[in-house]
Amino acid sequence: MINITKVNYKISDTFKITNLDLNLDKGTYHLLGPNGAGKTSFLNLLSGLCSPDTGHIFIGNVAVNPLNLGQLSKVRAYLMQKQVAHFALTVKGMLAITLSLSESAVETLCENHDVIKGLDLLQLLNRSITALSGGESQRAHLARVLLHCDLKLEPNFCLLLLDEPYTGLDVSHKLWLNQYLTQLGKYITVLISHHELNLALNLAQPCIIINNGQIHRVLTDSRDIEKSTLVDVFKLPLSVLSETNEGILQIIGI
């Protein structure tokens, strides 16, 4: 479904993305790596916000490049790491623009939608996006991208990109989000960039580990991340690594 072929991209004189060669089918994938590894640049390339210097990316049969953003908007959504609100829109108004619906249609949609219920947004719909707390704003923007990839609204949708979606969320909302994304991954490709290593170590989901601008490893089961990877890539001391009775690695102290 997602085809990445021999992609290289120079970010600066000292850092570049090199030799990305990957095919992603439906599923929920975790994109892991230390700060500065190239995770956000990888997502920017997949979203079409920037073009690779060499190589090609396709979402289904849609070529990914900045000249094709109109067509890409029908097949992918991207929650960026930093959200900037330039206008004092209400949450409802923001959703209306995103979904190309009237505000009254958004109200009807939100009354019984699992995303709105799961993120507890009903009481925030008439609030200005600029007046929300950090956690409330994150929930509103999560709803924006999750509603965008509702297959009832966009039947050709293929790819959801999330950069640090857990930031500012309460534990209950993190739990709901994990469950929702797992279900969503049965129908589309979901790629989540985050630093919640213990979360990944407890989930039987695929993961992509990136380091120094290159793919370090691709695993079909995130529970198979090895101690050597946690030590060499994430710079963790062996003393903080423990194993459960089931043999699953855990990081103590976070």
C-alpha atoms as a PDB file:
ATOM      1  CA  MET A   1       0.000   0.000   0.000  1.00  0.00           C
ATOM      2  CA  ILE A   2       2.834   2.430   0.897  1.00  0.00           C
ATOM      3  CA  ASN A   3       5.893   2.063  -1.320  1.00  0.00           C
ATOM      4  CA  ILE A   4       9.170   3.830  -0.469  1.00  0.00           C
ATOM      5  CA  THR A   5      11.946   3.184  -2.982  1.00  0.00           C
ATOM      6  CA  LYS A   6      15.596   4.237  -2.611  1.00  0.00           C
ATOM      7  CA  VAL A   7      14.775   7.562  -0.954  1.00  0.00           C
ATOM      8  CA  ASN A   8      17.550   9.982  -0.005  1.00  0.00           C
ATOM      9  CA  TYR A   9      17.025  13.481   1.352  1.00  0.00           C
ATOM     10  CA  LYS A  10      19.617  16.036   2.504  1.00  0.00           C
ATOM     11  CA  ILE A  11      18.405  18.056   5.483  1.00  0.00           C
ATOM     12  CA  SER A  12      21.623  19.965   6.237  1.00  0.00           C
ATOM     13  CA  ASP A  13      25.356  19.762   5.575  1.00  0.00           C
ATOM     14  CA  THR A  14      25.661  17.432   8.581  1.00  0.00           C
ATOM     15  CA  PHE A  15      22.487  15.325   8.408  1.00  0.00           C
ATOM     16  CA  LYS A  16      20.570  13.451   5.730  1.00  0.00           C
ATOM     17  CA  ILE A  17      18.016  10.687   5.324  1.00  0.00           C
ATOM     18  CA  THR A  18      19.610   7.833   3.374  1.00  0.00           C
ATOM     19  CA  ASN A  19      18.601   4.586   1.717  1.00  0.00           C
ATOM     20  CA  LEU A  20      14.942   4.434   2.732  1.00  0.00           C
ATOM     21  CA  ASP A  21      13.561   1.335   1.037  1.00  0.00           C
ATOM     22  CA  LEU A  22      10.356   0.027   2.567  1.00  0.00           C
ATOM     23  CA  ASN A  23       6.892  -1.302   1.799  1.00  0.00           C
ATOM     24  CA  LEU A  24       4.131  -0.848   4.380  1.00  0.00           C
ATOM     25  CA  ASP A  25       0.860  -2.737   4.261  1.00  0.00           C
ATOM     26  CA  LYS A  26      -2.195  -2.151   6.446  1.00  0.00           C
ATOM     27  CA  GLY A  27      -1.367  -2.143  10.136  1.00  0.00           C
ATOM     28  CA  THR A  28      -0.373  -0.012  13.117  1.00  0.00           C
ATOM     29  CA  TYR A  29       3.369   0.711  13.056  1.00  0.00           C
ATOM     30  CA  HIS A  30       5.532   2.371  15.709  1.00  0.00           C
ATOM     31  CA  LEU A  31       8.295   4.660  14.438  1.00  0.00           C
ATOM     32  CA  LEU A  32      10.986   4.704  17.113  1.00  0.00           C
ATOM     33  CA  GLY A  33      14.355   6.374  17.498  1.00  0.00           C
ATOM     34  CA  PRO A  34      16.243   8.905  19.635  1.00  0.00           C
ATOM     35  CA  ASN A  35      15.869  12.660  19.255  1.00  0.00           C
ATOM     36  CA  GLY A  36      17.415  13.810  15.991  1.00  0.00           C
ATOM     37  CA  ALA A  37      17.258  10.354  14.406  1.00  0.00           C
ATOM     38  CA  GLY A  38      15.176  11.588  11.459  1.00  0.00           C
ATOM     39  CA  LYS A  39      11.680  10.465  12.472  1.00  0.00           C
ATOM     40  CA  THR A  40       9.931  13.776  11.746  1.00  0.00           C
ATOM     41  CA  SER A  41      11.832  14.197   8.475  1.00  0.00           C
ATOM     42  CA  PHE A  42      10.711  10.686   7.518  1.00  0.00           C
ATOM     43  CA  LEU A  43       7.077  11.631   8.222  1.00  0.00           C
ATOM     44  CA  ASN A  44       7.440  14.895   6.296  1.00  0.00           C
ATOM     45  CA  LEU A  45       8.648  12.932   3.275  1.00  0.00           C
ATOM     46  CA  LEU A  46       5.769  10.464   3.526  1.00  0.00           C
ATOM     47  CA  SER A  47       3.255  13.296   3.854  1.00  0.00           C
ATOM     48  CA  GLY A  48       4.490  15.133   0.770  1.00  0.00           C
ATOM     49  CA  LEU A  49       5.558  18.261   2.648  1.00  0.00           C
ATOM     50  CA  CYS A  50       9.016  17.848   1.144  1.00  0.00           C
ATOM     51  CA  SER A  51      10.454  15.985  -1.823  1.00  0.00           C
ATOM     52  CA  PRO A  52      13.277  13.440  -1.682  1.00  0.00           C
ATOM     53  CA  ASP A  53      16.454  14.248  -3.571  1.00  0.00           C
ATOM     54  CA  THR A  54      16.335  10.787  -5.098  1.00  0.00           C
ATOM     55  CA  GLY A  55      13.857   7.919  -5.014  1.00  0.00           C
ATOM     56  CA  HIS A  56      10.080   7.673  -5.050  1.00  0.00           C
ATOM     57  CA  ILE A  57       7.191   7.364  -2.573  1.00  0.00           C
ATOM     58  CA  PHE A  58       3.697   6.175  -3.469  1.00  0.00           C
ATOM     59  CA  ILE A  59       0.575   5.969  -1.316  1.00  0.00           C
ATOM     60  CA  GLY A  60      -1.436   3.438  -3.250  1.00  0.00           C
ATOM     61  CA  ASN A  61      -1.152   4.785  -6.801  1.00  0.00           C
ATOM     62  CA  VAL A  62      -0.712   8.413  -5.706  1.00  0.00           C
ATOM     63  CA  ALA A  63       2.796   9.825  -6.079  1.00  0.00           C
ATOM     64  CA  VAL A  64       3.955  11.709  -2.991  1.00  0.00           C
ATOM     65  CA  ASN A  65       5.351  15.180  -3.689  1.00  0.00           C
ATOM     66  CA  PRO A  66       4.508  18.788  -2.746  1.00  0.00           C
ATOM     67  CA  LEU A  67       2.933  19.385  -6.164  1.00  0.00           C
ATOM     68  CA  ASN A  68       0.308  16.753  -5.464  1.00  0.00           C
ATOM     69  CA  LEU A  69      -1.055  17.894  -2.105  1.00  0.00           C
ATOM     70  CA  GLY A  70      -4.664  18.129  -3.296  1.00  0.00           C
ATOM     71  CA  GLN A  71      -4.783  14.484  -4.296  1.00  0.00           C
ATOM     72  CA  LEU A  72      -2.737  13.456  -1.256  1.00  0.00           C
ATOM     73  CA  SER A  73      -5.275  15.079   1.073  1.00  0.00           C
ATOM     74  CA  LYS A  74      -7.751  12.401  -0.004  1.00  0.00           C
ATOM     75  CA  VAL A  75      -5.489   9.503   0.920  1.00  0.00           C
ATOM     76  CA  ARG A  76      -3.411  10.626   3.917  1.00  0.00           C
ATOM     77  CA  ALA A  77      -3.601  12.728   7.083  1.00  0.00           C
ATOM     78  CA  TYR A  78      -0.761  14.045   9.229  1.00  0.00           C
ATOM     79  CA  LEU A  79      -0.733  15.139  12.852  1.00  0.00           C
ATOM     80  CA  MET A  80       2.414  17.222  13.093  1.00  0.00           C
ATOM     81  CA  GLN A  81       4.409  17.438  16.293  1.00  0.00           C
ATOM     82  CA  LYS A  82       3.673  21.148  16.793  1.00  0.00           C
ATOM     83  CA  GLN A  83       0.219  22.617  16.182  1.00  0.00           C
ATOM     84  CA  VAL A  84      -0.064  26.349  15.516  1.00  0.00           C
ATOM     85  CA  ALA A  85      -3.488  28.023  15.524  1.00  0.00           C
ATOM     86  CA  HIS A  86      -3.369  31.267  13.510  1.00  0.00           C
ATOM     87  CA  PHE A  87      -7.073  32.065  13.883  1.00  0.00           C
ATOM     88  CA  ALA A  88      -9.432  31.901  16.855  1.00  0.00           C
ATOM     89  CA  LEU A  89     -11.627  29.213  15.315  1.00  0.00           C
ATOM     90  CA  THR A  90     -13.824  27.090  17.491  1.00  0.00           C
ATOM     91  CA  VAL A  91     -13.037  23.386  17.581  1.00  0.00           C
ATOM     92  CA  LYS A  92     -16.253  22.835  15.633  1.00  0.00           C
ATOM     93  CA  GLY A  93     -15.180  25.403  13.041  1.00  0.00           C
ATOM     94  CA  MET A  94     -11.783  23.753  12.642  1.00  0.00           C
ATOM     95  CA  LEU A  95     -13.426  20.370  12.085  1.00  0.00           C
ATOM     96  CA  ALA A  96     -15.858  21.891   9.577  1.00  0.00           C
ATOM     97  CA  ILE A  97     -12.984  23.274   7.485  1.00  0.00           C
ATOM     98  CA  THR A  98     -11.049  20.003   7.686  1.00  0.00           C
ATOM     99  CA  LEU A  99     -14.021  17.889   6.625  1.00  0.00           C
ATOM    100  CA  SER A 100     -15.512  20.405   4.152  1.00  0.00           C
ATOM    101  CA  LEU A 101     -18.799  20.290   6.049  1.00  0.00           C
ATOM    102  CA  SER A 102     -21.093  22.921   7.529  1.00  0.00           C
ATOM    103  CA  GLU A 103     -20.862  23.462  11.266  1.00  0.00           C
ATOM    104  CA  SER A 104     -24.366  22.050  11.692  1.00  0.00           C
ATOM    105  CA  ALA A 105     -23.281  18.900   9.820  1.00  0.00           C
ATOM    106  CA  VAL A 106     -20.246  18.652  12.090  1.00  0.00           C
ATOM    107  CA  GLU A 107     -22.513  18.893  15.141  1.00  0.00           C
ATOM    108  CA  THR A 108     -24.611  16.020  13.827  1.00  0.00           C
ATOM    109  CA  LEU A 109     -21.512  13.967  13.045  1.00  0.00           C
ATOM    110  CA  CYS A 110     -20.007  14.580  16.478  1.00  0.00           C
ATOM    111  CA  GLU A 111     -23.098  13.592  18.437  1.00  0.00           C
ATOM    112  CA  ASN A 112     -22.435   9.864  18.072  1.00  0.00           C
ATOM    113  CA  HIS A 113     -18.913   9.564  16.685  1.00  0.00           C
ATOM    114  CA  ASP A 114     -16.496   7.287  18.541  1.00  0.00           C
ATOM    115  CA  VAL A 115     -13.605   9.740  18.095  1.00  0.00           C
ATOM    116  CA  ILE A 116     -15.471  12.613  19.742  1.00  0.00           C
ATOM    117  CA  LYS A 117     -16.635  10.383  22.585  1.00  0.00           C
ATOM    118  CA  GLY A 118     -13.247   8.741  23.080  1.00  0.00           C
ATOM    119  CA  LEU A 119     -11.425  12.079  23.249  1.00  0.00           C
ATOM    120  CA  ASP A 120     -14.148  13.749  25.375  1.00  0.00           C
ATOM    121  CA  LEU A 121     -14.579  16.630  22.937  1.00  0.00           C
ATOM    122  CA  LEU A 122     -18.314  17.318  23.025  1.00  0.00           C
ATOM    123  CA  GLN A 123     -17.899  19.962  25.709  1.00  0.00           C
ATOM    124  CA  LEU A 124     -15.064  21.619  23.755  1.00  0.00           C
ATOM    125  CA  LEU A 125     -16.730  21.983  20.347  1.00  0.00           C
ATOM    126  CA  ASN A 126     -17.741  25.610  20.891  1.00  0.00           C
ATOM    127  CA  ARG A 127     -14.461  26.632  22.553  1.00  0.00           C
ATOM    128  CA  SER A 128     -11.838  28.615  20.674  1.00  0.00           C
ATOM    129  CA  ILE A 129      -8.881  26.460  19.686  1.00  0.00           C
ATOM    130  CA  THR A 130      -6.569  29.250  20.933  1.00  0.00           C
ATOM    131  CA  ALA A 131      -8.094  29.142  24.435  1.00  0.00           C
ATOM    132  CA  LEU A 132      -7.578  25.421  25.067  1.00  0.00           C
ATOM    133  CA  SER A 133      -4.994  23.896  27.383  1.00  0.00           C
ATOM    134  CA  GLY A 134      -2.148  21.930  25.831  1.00  0.00           C
ATOM    135  CA  GLY A 135      -3.860  18.589  26.416  1.00  0.00           C
ATOM    136  CA  GLU A 136      -7.230  19.861  25.172  1.00  0.00           C
ATOM    137  CA  SER A 137      -5.622  21.265  22.034  1.00  0.00           C
ATOM    138  CA  GLN A 138      -3.890  17.943  21.380  1.00  0.00           C
ATOM    139  CA  ARG A 139      -7.202  16.094  21.671  1.00  0.00           C
ATOM    140  CA  ALA A 140      -8.879  18.551  19.282  1.00  0.00           C
ATOM    141  CA  HIS A 141      -6.152  18.159  16.668  1.00  0.00           C
ATOM    142  CA  LEU A 142      -6.192  14.386  17.092  1.00  0.00           C
ATOM    143  CA  ALA A 143      -9.918  14.469  16.360  1.00  0.00           C
ATOM    144  CA  ARG A 144      -9.197  16.574  13.270  1.00  0.00           C
ATOM    145  CA  VAL A 145      -6.898  13.966  11.739  1.00  0.00           C
ATOM    146  CA  LEU A 146      -8.860  10.927  12.952  1.00  0.00           C
ATOM    147  CA  LEU A 147     -12.103  12.252  11.464  1.00  0.00           C
ATOM    148  CA  HIS A 148     -10.212  13.046   8.265  1.00  0.00           C
ATOM    149  CA  CYS A 149      -9.416   9.342   7.842  1.00  0.00           C
ATOM    150  CA  ASP A 150     -12.958   8.149   8.529  1.00  0.00           C
ATOM    151  CA  LEU A 151     -13.491   5.708   5.651  1.00  0.00           C
ATOM    152  CA  LYS A 152     -17.180   6.612   5.509  1.00  0.00           C
ATOM    153  CA  LEU A 153     -16.122  10.157   4.583  1.00  0.00           C
ATOM    154  CA  GLU A 154     -12.971   9.314   2.575  1.00  0.00           C
ATOM    155  CA  PRO A 155     -13.352   5.767   1.162  1.00  0.00           C
ATOM    156  CA  ASN A 156      -9.957   5.885  -0.610  1.00  0.00           C
ATOM    157  CA  PHE A 157      -8.017   6.843   2.508  1.00  0.00           C
ATOM    158  CA  CYS A 158      -4.756   4.881   3.022  1.00  0.00           C
ATOM    159  CA  LEU A 159      -2.276   6.450   5.458  1.00  0.00           C
ATOM    160  CA  LEU A 160      -2.381   8.149   8.870  1.00  0.00           C
ATOM    161  CA  LEU A 161       0.831   9.785  10.142  1.00  0.00           C
ATOM    162  CA  LEU A 162       1.073  10.798  13.790  1.00  0.00           C
ATOM    163  CA  ASP A 163       4.066  12.651  15.237  1.00  0.00           C
ATOM    164  CA  GLU A 164       4.131  12.508  19.062  1.00  0.00           C
ATOM    165  CA  PRO A 165       0.357  12.006  19.442  1.00  0.00           C
ATOM    166  CA  TYR A 166       0.595  11.081  23.154  1.00  0.00           C
ATOM    167  CA  THR A 167       1.939  14.497  24.202  1.00  0.00           C
ATOM    168  CA  GLY A 168      -0.278  16.061  26.859  1.00  0.00           C
ATOM    169  CA  LEU A 169      -2.825  13.239  26.948  1.00  0.00           C
ATOM    170  CA  ASP A 170      -4.236  11.798  30.157  1.00  0.00           C
ATOM    171  CA  VAL A 171      -3.690   8.084  30.699  1.00  0.00           C
ATOM    172  CA  SER A 172      -7.329   7.307  29.870  1.00  0.00           C
ATOM    173  CA  HIS A 173      -7.054   9.107  26.530  1.00  0.00           C
ATOM    174  CA  LYS A 174      -3.760   7.342  25.744  1.00  0.00           C
ATOM    175  CA  LEU A 175      -5.449   4.007  26.384  1.00  0.00           C
ATOM    176  CA  TRP A 176      -8.412   4.914  24.186  1.00  0.00           C
ATOM    177  CA  LEU A 177      -6.088   6.154  21.415  1.00  0.00           C
ATOM    178  CA  ASN A 178      -4.053   2.927  21.438  1.00  0.00           C
ATOM    179  CA  GLN A 179      -7.204   0.839  21.147  1.00  0.00           C
ATOM    180  CA  TYR A 180      -8.657   3.024  18.385  1.00  0.00           C
ATOM    181  CA  LEU A 181      -5.438   3.048  16.323  1.00  0.00           C
ATOM    182  CA  THR A 182      -5.142  -0.730  16.644  1.00  0.00           C
ATOM    183  CA  GLN A 183      -8.617  -1.115  15.168  1.00  0.00           C
ATOM    184  CA  LEU A 184      -7.923   1.503  12.487  1.00  0.00           C
ATOM    185  CA  GLY A 185      -4.821  -0.420  11.449  1.00  0.00           C
ATOM    186  CA  LYS A 186      -7.026  -3.256  10.199  1.00  0.00           C
ATOM    187  CA  TYR A 187      -8.149  -0.992   7.339  1.00  0.00           C
ATOM    188  CA  ILE A 188      -5.323   1.492   6.665  1.00  0.00           C
ATOM    189  CA  THR A 189      -1.635   2.060   7.409  1.00  0.00           C
ATOM    190  CA  VAL A 190      -1.058   3.909  10.681  1.00  0.00           C
ATOM    191  CA  LEU A 191       2.463   5.184  11.459  1.00  0.00           C
ATOM    192  CA  ILE A 192       3.024   6.586  14.960  1.00  0.00           C
ATOM    193  CA  SER A 193       6.264   8.368  15.850  1.00  0.00           C
ATOM    194  CA  HIS A 194       6.806   8.507  19.610  1.00  0.00           C
ATOM    195  CA  HIS A 195       9.199   7.959  22.529  1.00  0.00           C
ATOM    196  CA  GLU A 196       6.966   5.647  24.601  1.00  0.00           C
ATOM    197  CA  LEU A 197       9.353   2.688  24.493  1.00  0.00           C
ATOM    198  CA  ASN A 198       7.632   0.692  27.225  1.00  0.00           C
ATOM    199  CA  LEU A 199       4.379   1.031  25.317  1.00  0.00           C
ATOM    200  CA  ALA A 200       5.965  -0.380  22.167  1.00  0.00           C
ATOM    201  CA  LEU A 201       7.607  -3.190  24.133  1.00  0.00           C
ATOM    202  CA  ASN A 202       4.200  -4.297  25.389  1.00  0.00           C
ATOM    203  CA  LEU A 203       2.383  -4.290  22.061  1.00  0.00           C
ATOM    204  CA  ALA A 204       2.513  -7.042  19.450  1.00  0.00           C
ATOM    205  CA  GLN A 205       2.659  -4.514  16.621  1.00  0.00           C
ATOM    206  CA  PRO A 206       5.206  -3.798  13.890  1.00  0.00           C
ATOM    207  CA  CYS A 207       7.862  -1.185  14.515  1.00  0.00           C
ATOM    208  CA  ILE A 208      10.424   0.712  12.486  1.00  0.00           C
ATOM    209  CA  ILE A 209      13.545   1.826  14.332  1.00  0.00           C
ATOM    210  CA  ILE A 210      15.388   4.741  12.748  1.00  0.00           C
ATOM    211  CA  ASN A 211      18.774   6.117  13.759  1.00  0.00           C
ATOM    212  CA  ASN A 212      21.169   8.599  12.177  1.00  0.00           C
ATOM    213  CA  GLY A 213      18.810   9.081   9.238  1.00  0.00           C
ATOM    214  CA  GLN A 214      18.705   5.405   8.335  1.00  0.00           C
ATOM    215  CA  ILE A 215      16.397   2.498   9.085  1.00  0.00           C
ATOM    216  CA  HIS A 216      18.133   0.519  11.814  1.00  0.00           C
ATOM    217  CA  ARG A 217      15.644  -2.328  11.968  1.00  0.00           C
ATOM    218  CA  VAL A 218      12.102  -3.283  10.972  1.00  0.00           C
ATOM    219  CA  LEU A 219      10.308  -5.739  13.262  1.00  0.00           C
ATOM    220  CA  THR A 220       6.940  -7.405  12.802  1.00  0.00           C
ATOM    221  CA  ASP A 221       6.506  -7.515  16.595  1.00  0.00           C
ATOM    222  CA  SER A 222       7.703  -4.611  18.761  1.00  0.00           C
ATOM    223  CA  ARG A 223       8.168  -7.015  21.679  1.00  0.00           C
ATOM    224  CA  ASP A 224      11.175  -8.400  19.781  1.00  0.00           C
ATOM    225  CA  ILE A 225      13.243  -5.237  20.264  1.00  0.00           C
ATOM    226  CA  GLU A 226      16.586  -6.488  21.560  1.00  0.00           C
ATOM    227  CA  LYS A 227      18.623  -5.271  24.526  1.00  0.00           C
ATOM    228  CA  SER A 228      21.473  -4.387  22.163  1.00  0.00           C
ATOM    229  CA  THR A 229      19.177  -1.998  20.267  1.00  0.00           C
ATOM    230  CA  LEU A 230      18.039  -0.286  23.475  1.00  0.00           C
ATOM    231  CA  VAL A 231      21.670   0.098  24.545  1.00  0.00           C
ATOM    232  CA  ASP A 232      23.255   1.045  21.212  1.00  0.00           C
ATOM    233  CA  VAL A 233      20.485   3.147  19.628  1.00  0.00           C
ATOM    234  CA  PHE A 234      18.693   4.611  22.663  1.00  0.00           C
ATOM    235  CA  LYS A 235      21.799   4.799  24.886  1.00  0.00           C
ATOM    236  CA  LEU A 236      20.169   3.035  27.839  1.00  0.00           C
ATOM    237  CA  PRO A 237      22.328   1.354  30.501  1.00  0.00           C
ATOM    238  CA  LEU A 238      21.789  -2.376  30.949  1.00  0.00           C
ATOM    239  CA  SER A 239      20.941  -1.751  34.607  1.00  0.00           C
ATOM    240  CA  VAL A 240      17.529  -0.225  33.712  1.00  0.00           C
ATOM    241  CA  LEU A 241      16.457  -3.142  31.507  1.00  0.00           C
ATOM    242  CA  SER A 242      14.381  -5.908  33.010  1.00  0.00           C
ATOM    243  CA  GLU A 243      12.318  -8.827  31.699  1.00  0.00           C
ATOM    244  CA  THR A 244       8.804  -9.825  32.719  1.00  0.00           C
ATOM    245  CA  ASN A 245       7.919 -13.444  33.427  1.00  0.00           C
ATOM    246  CA  GLU A 246       6.776 -13.625  29.801  1.00  0.00           C
ATOM    247  CA  GLY A 247      10.220 -12.543  28.612  1.00  0.00           C
ATOM    248  CA  ILE A 248       9.168  -9.049  27.548  1.00  0.00           C
ATOM    249  CA  LEU A 249      11.756  -6.321  28.050  1.00  0.00           C
ATOM    250  CA  GLN A 250      10.817  -3.350  30.227  1.00  0.00           C
ATOM    251  CA  ILE A 251      12.641  -0.124  31.044  1.00  0.00           C
ATOM    252  CA  ILE A 252      12.663   0.616  34.757  1.00  0.00           C
ATOM    253  CA  GLY A 253      12.241   4.188  35.942  1.00  0.00           C
ATOM    254  CA  ILE A 254      10.125   5.707  33.154  1.00  0.00           C
END
